[in-house]
């Protein structure tokens, strides 16, 4: 998923989706777990539709949450 695609770029399950397009405040993504080209739509500021999709459609899949927080910067003196 493109990093600037949605405001929840730090979302821990973003790696299961591929950014397709953004139109105004709506984002379309493709689920990488679904066979074929399963497209999902969500508002740019929320991931609730995507969470529900993962919980309902892929309930038997052990999802791995990725830590998407940036590494702390080390200041060199």
N, C-alpha and C. Protein backbone atom coordinates (compact mmCIF):
# COMPACT_ATOMS: atom_id res chain seq x y z
N UNK A 1 0.85 -1.16 0.00
CA UNK A 1 0.00 0.00 0.00
C UNK A 1 0.90 1.22 0.00
N UNK A 2 0.59 2.21 -0.78
CA UNK A 2 1.39 3.42 -0.82
C UNK A 2 1.37 4.09 0.54
N UNK A 3 2.51 4.57 0.95
CA UNK A 3 2.62 5.16 2.29
C UNK A 3 1.71 6.37 2.46
N UNK A 4 1.48 7.14 1.41
CA UNK A 4 0.63 8.31 1.54
C UNK A 4 -0.83 8.02 1.20
N UNK A 5 -1.16 6.76 0.98
CA UNK A 5 -2.50 6.41 0.54
C UNK A 5 -3.57 6.70 1.58
N UNK A 6 -3.32 6.37 2.82
CA UNK A 6 -4.29 6.61 3.88
C UNK A 6 -3.58 7.18 5.09
N UNK A 7 -4.32 7.86 5.93
CA UNK A 7 -3.71 8.48 7.09
C UNK A 7 -3.24 7.46 8.10
N UNK A 8 -3.72 6.24 8.00
CA UNK A 8 -3.32 5.20 8.94
C UNK A 8 -2.15 4.39 8.38
N UNK A 9 -1.17 5.07 7.80
CA UNK A 9 -0.03 4.38 7.20
C UNK A 9 0.73 3.55 8.22
N UNK A 10 0.57 3.83 9.50
CA UNK A 10 1.22 3.04 10.53
C UNK A 10 0.39 1.84 10.97
N UNK A 11 -0.70 1.58 10.27
CA UNK A 11 -1.59 0.47 10.61
C UNK A 11 -0.84 -0.84 10.52
N UNK A 12 -0.97 -1.69 11.50
CA UNK A 12 -0.16 -2.90 11.62
C UNK A 12 -0.50 -4.01 10.62
N UNK A 13 -1.62 -3.90 9.92
CA UNK A 13 -1.98 -4.91 8.93
C UNK A 13 -1.95 -4.36 7.50
N UNK A 14 -1.32 -3.24 7.28
CA UNK A 14 -1.27 -2.61 5.96
C UNK A 14 -0.57 -3.49 4.93
N UNK A 15 0.33 -4.35 5.36
CA UNK A 15 1.09 -5.19 4.42
C UNK A 15 0.22 -6.27 3.75
N UNK A 16 -1.02 -6.43 4.20
CA UNK A 16 -1.92 -7.39 3.57
C UNK A 16 -2.73 -6.75 2.43
N UNK A 17 -2.51 -5.47 2.18
CA UNK A 17 -3.26 -4.75 1.15
C UNK A 17 -2.31 -4.00 0.23
N UNK A 18 -2.74 -3.87 -1.02
CA UNK A 18 -1.98 -3.14 -2.02
C UNK A 18 -2.82 -1.94 -2.47
N UNK A 19 -2.23 -0.76 -2.45
CA UNK A 19 -2.93 0.45 -2.86
C UNK A 19 -3.27 0.38 -4.34
N UNK A 20 -4.52 0.73 -4.69
CA UNK A 20 -4.95 0.75 -6.09
C UNK A 20 -5.16 2.18 -6.55
N UNK A 21 -6.02 2.92 -5.84
CA UNK A 21 -6.28 4.31 -6.23
C UNK A 21 -6.92 5.08 -5.08
N UNK A 22 -6.85 6.39 -5.22
CA UNK A 22 -7.52 7.28 -4.27
C UNK A 22 -8.33 8.28 -5.07
N UNK A 23 -9.61 8.40 -4.72
CA UNK A 23 -10.49 9.38 -5.34
C UNK A 23 -11.10 10.19 -4.21
N UNK A 24 -10.74 11.44 -4.17
CA UNK A 24 -11.16 12.34 -3.09
C UNK A 24 -10.78 11.74 -1.74
N UNK A 25 -11.77 11.42 -0.90
CA UNK A 25 -11.48 10.88 0.43
C UNK A 25 -11.67 9.37 0.51
N UNK A 26 -11.82 8.72 -0.64
CA UNK A 26 -11.99 7.27 -0.67
C UNK A 26 -10.74 6.60 -1.24
N UNK A 27 -10.36 5.50 -0.63
CA UNK A 27 -9.18 4.75 -1.05
C UNK A 27 -9.64 3.35 -1.45
N UNK A 28 -9.11 2.85 -2.55
CA UNK A 28 -9.37 1.48 -2.99
C UNK A 28 -8.07 0.69 -2.87
N UNK A 29 -8.18 -0.49 -2.26
CA UNK A 29 -7.02 -1.36 -2.08
C UNK A 29 -7.37 -2.76 -2.55
N UNK A 30 -6.34 -3.58 -2.80
CA UNK A 30 -6.53 -4.98 -3.17
C UNK A 30 -6.02 -5.83 -2.02
N UNK A 31 -6.83 -6.80 -1.61
CA UNK A 31 -6.42 -7.72 -0.55
C UNK A 31 -5.46 -8.74 -1.14
N UNK A 32 -4.27 -8.86 -0.54
CA UNK A 32 -3.26 -9.80 -1.02
C UNK A 32 -3.56 -11.24 -0.60
N UNK A 33 -4.46 -11.43 0.35
CA UNK A 33 -4.81 -12.77 0.82
C UNK A 33 -5.92 -13.42 -0.01
N UNK A 34 -6.74 -12.60 -0.63
CA UNK A 34 -7.86 -13.12 -1.42
C UNK A 34 -7.37 -13.60 -2.78
N UNK A 35 -7.92 -14.72 -3.27
CA UNK A 35 -7.58 -15.14 -4.63
C UNK A 35 -8.23 -14.17 -5.62
N UNK A 36 -7.56 -13.94 -6.72
CA UNK A 36 -8.11 -13.02 -7.71
C UNK A 36 -7.83 -11.58 -7.35
N UNK A 37 -8.72 -10.72 -7.75
CA UNK A 37 -8.53 -9.28 -7.57
C UNK A 37 -9.61 -8.70 -6.66
N UNK A 38 -9.64 -9.09 -5.40
CA UNK A 38 -10.64 -8.59 -4.45
C UNK A 38 -10.30 -7.15 -4.09
N UNK A 39 -11.15 -6.21 -4.54
CA UNK A 39 -10.95 -4.80 -4.25
C UNK A 39 -11.86 -4.38 -3.10
N UNK A 40 -11.31 -3.57 -2.22
CA UNK A 40 -12.05 -3.06 -1.07
C UNK A 40 -11.94 -1.55 -1.06
N UNK A 41 -12.98 -0.89 -0.60
CA UNK A 41 -13.00 0.56 -0.53
C UNK A 41 -13.12 0.98 0.93
N UNK A 42 -12.43 2.05 1.26
CA UNK A 42 -12.49 2.57 2.62
C UNK A 42 -12.26 4.07 2.58
N UNK A 43 -12.70 4.75 3.62
CA UNK A 43 -12.41 6.18 3.73
C UNK A 43 -10.92 6.34 4.02
N UNK A 44 -10.35 7.45 3.60
CA UNK A 44 -8.91 7.66 3.73
C UNK A 44 -8.45 7.79 5.18
N UNK A 45 -9.36 8.03 6.10
CA UNK A 45 -8.95 8.25 7.49
C UNK A 45 -9.33 7.10 8.43
N UNK A 46 -9.68 5.93 7.89
CA UNK A 46 -10.07 4.81 8.75
C UNK A 46 -9.71 3.48 8.10
N UNK A 47 -9.57 2.47 8.93
CA UNK A 47 -9.28 1.13 8.43
C UNK A 47 -10.34 0.13 8.88
N UNK A 48 -11.47 0.60 9.37
CA UNK A 48 -12.48 -0.31 9.93
C UNK A 48 -13.00 -1.30 8.89
N UNK A 49 -13.25 -0.86 7.64
CA UNK A 49 -13.70 -1.80 6.60
C UNK A 49 -12.66 -2.88 6.35
N UNK A 50 -11.40 -2.50 6.37
CA UNK A 50 -10.32 -3.45 6.11
C UNK A 50 -10.16 -4.42 7.28
N UNK A 51 -10.30 -3.91 8.50
CA UNK A 51 -10.26 -4.78 9.68
C UNK A 51 -11.38 -5.81 9.63
N UNK A 52 -12.58 -5.37 9.31
CA UNK A 52 -13.73 -6.27 9.24
C UNK A 52 -13.52 -7.33 8.16
N UNK A 53 -12.95 -6.92 7.03
CA UNK A 53 -12.67 -7.88 5.96
C UNK A 53 -11.72 -8.96 6.45
N UNK A 54 -10.64 -8.57 7.10
CA UNK A 54 -9.67 -9.54 7.61
C UNK A 54 -10.30 -10.48 8.63
N UNK A 55 -11.10 -9.93 9.54
CA UNK A 55 -11.72 -10.73 10.60
C UNK A 55 -12.75 -11.72 10.04
N UNK A 56 -13.53 -11.29 9.07
CA UNK A 56 -14.60 -12.15 8.55
C UNK A 56 -14.12 -13.12 7.47
N UNK A 57 -13.39 -12.61 6.52
CA UNK A 57 -13.00 -13.42 5.37
C UNK A 57 -11.79 -14.30 5.65
N UNK A 58 -10.89 -13.80 6.47
CA UNK A 58 -9.65 -14.53 6.73
C UNK A 58 -9.52 -14.89 8.21
N UNK A 59 -10.63 -15.27 8.82
CA UNK A 59 -10.65 -15.59 10.25
C UNK A 59 -9.74 -16.76 10.60
N UNK A 60 -9.53 -17.67 9.67
CA UNK A 60 -8.69 -18.84 9.96
C UNK A 60 -7.21 -18.60 9.69
N UNK A 61 -6.88 -17.43 9.16
CA UNK A 61 -5.49 -17.09 8.87
C UNK A 61 -4.87 -16.44 10.10
N UNK A 62 -3.69 -16.89 10.47
CA UNK A 62 -2.99 -16.26 11.59
C UNK A 62 -2.32 -15.00 11.06
N UNK A 63 -2.92 -13.86 11.36
CA UNK A 63 -2.40 -12.59 10.87
C UNK A 63 -1.21 -12.15 11.71
N UNK A 64 -0.22 -11.62 11.05
CA UNK A 64 0.97 -11.13 11.73
C UNK A 64 0.94 -9.61 11.70
N UNK A 65 0.90 -9.01 12.88
CA UNK A 65 0.90 -7.56 12.99
C UNK A 65 2.33 -7.05 12.89
N UNK A 66 2.54 -6.09 12.01
CA UNK A 66 3.86 -5.50 11.84
C UNK A 66 3.94 -4.23 12.66
N UNK A 67 5.06 -4.03 13.30
CA UNK A 67 5.30 -2.78 14.03
C UNK A 67 5.70 -1.74 13.00
N UNK A 68 4.83 -0.78 12.76
CA UNK A 68 5.07 0.21 11.71
C UNK A 68 5.60 1.53 12.26
N UNK A 69 6.01 1.55 13.53
CA UNK A 69 6.55 2.78 14.09
C UNK A 69 7.96 2.98 13.58
N UNK A 70 8.32 4.20 13.25
CA UNK A 70 9.67 4.45 12.72
C UNK A 70 10.73 4.24 13.79
N UNK A 71 11.90 3.86 13.33
CA UNK A 71 13.04 3.68 14.24
C UNK A 71 13.42 5.04 14.83
N UNK A 72 13.76 5.08 16.11
CA UNK A 72 14.20 6.35 16.69
C UNK A 72 15.53 6.76 16.08
N UNK A 73 15.68 8.04 15.84
CA UNK A 73 16.92 8.55 15.25
C UNK A 73 17.96 8.73 16.34
N UNK A 74 19.17 8.38 15.98
CA UNK A 74 20.29 8.56 16.91
C UNK A 74 21.03 9.81 16.50
N UNK A 75 21.21 10.67 17.44
CA UNK A 75 21.88 11.94 17.15
C UNK A 75 23.38 11.75 17.30
N UNK A 76 24.11 12.06 16.25
CA UNK A 76 25.56 11.94 16.26
C UNK A 76 26.16 13.26 16.72
N UNK A 77 27.04 13.20 17.69
CA UNK A 77 27.70 14.41 18.19
C UNK A 77 29.02 14.62 17.53
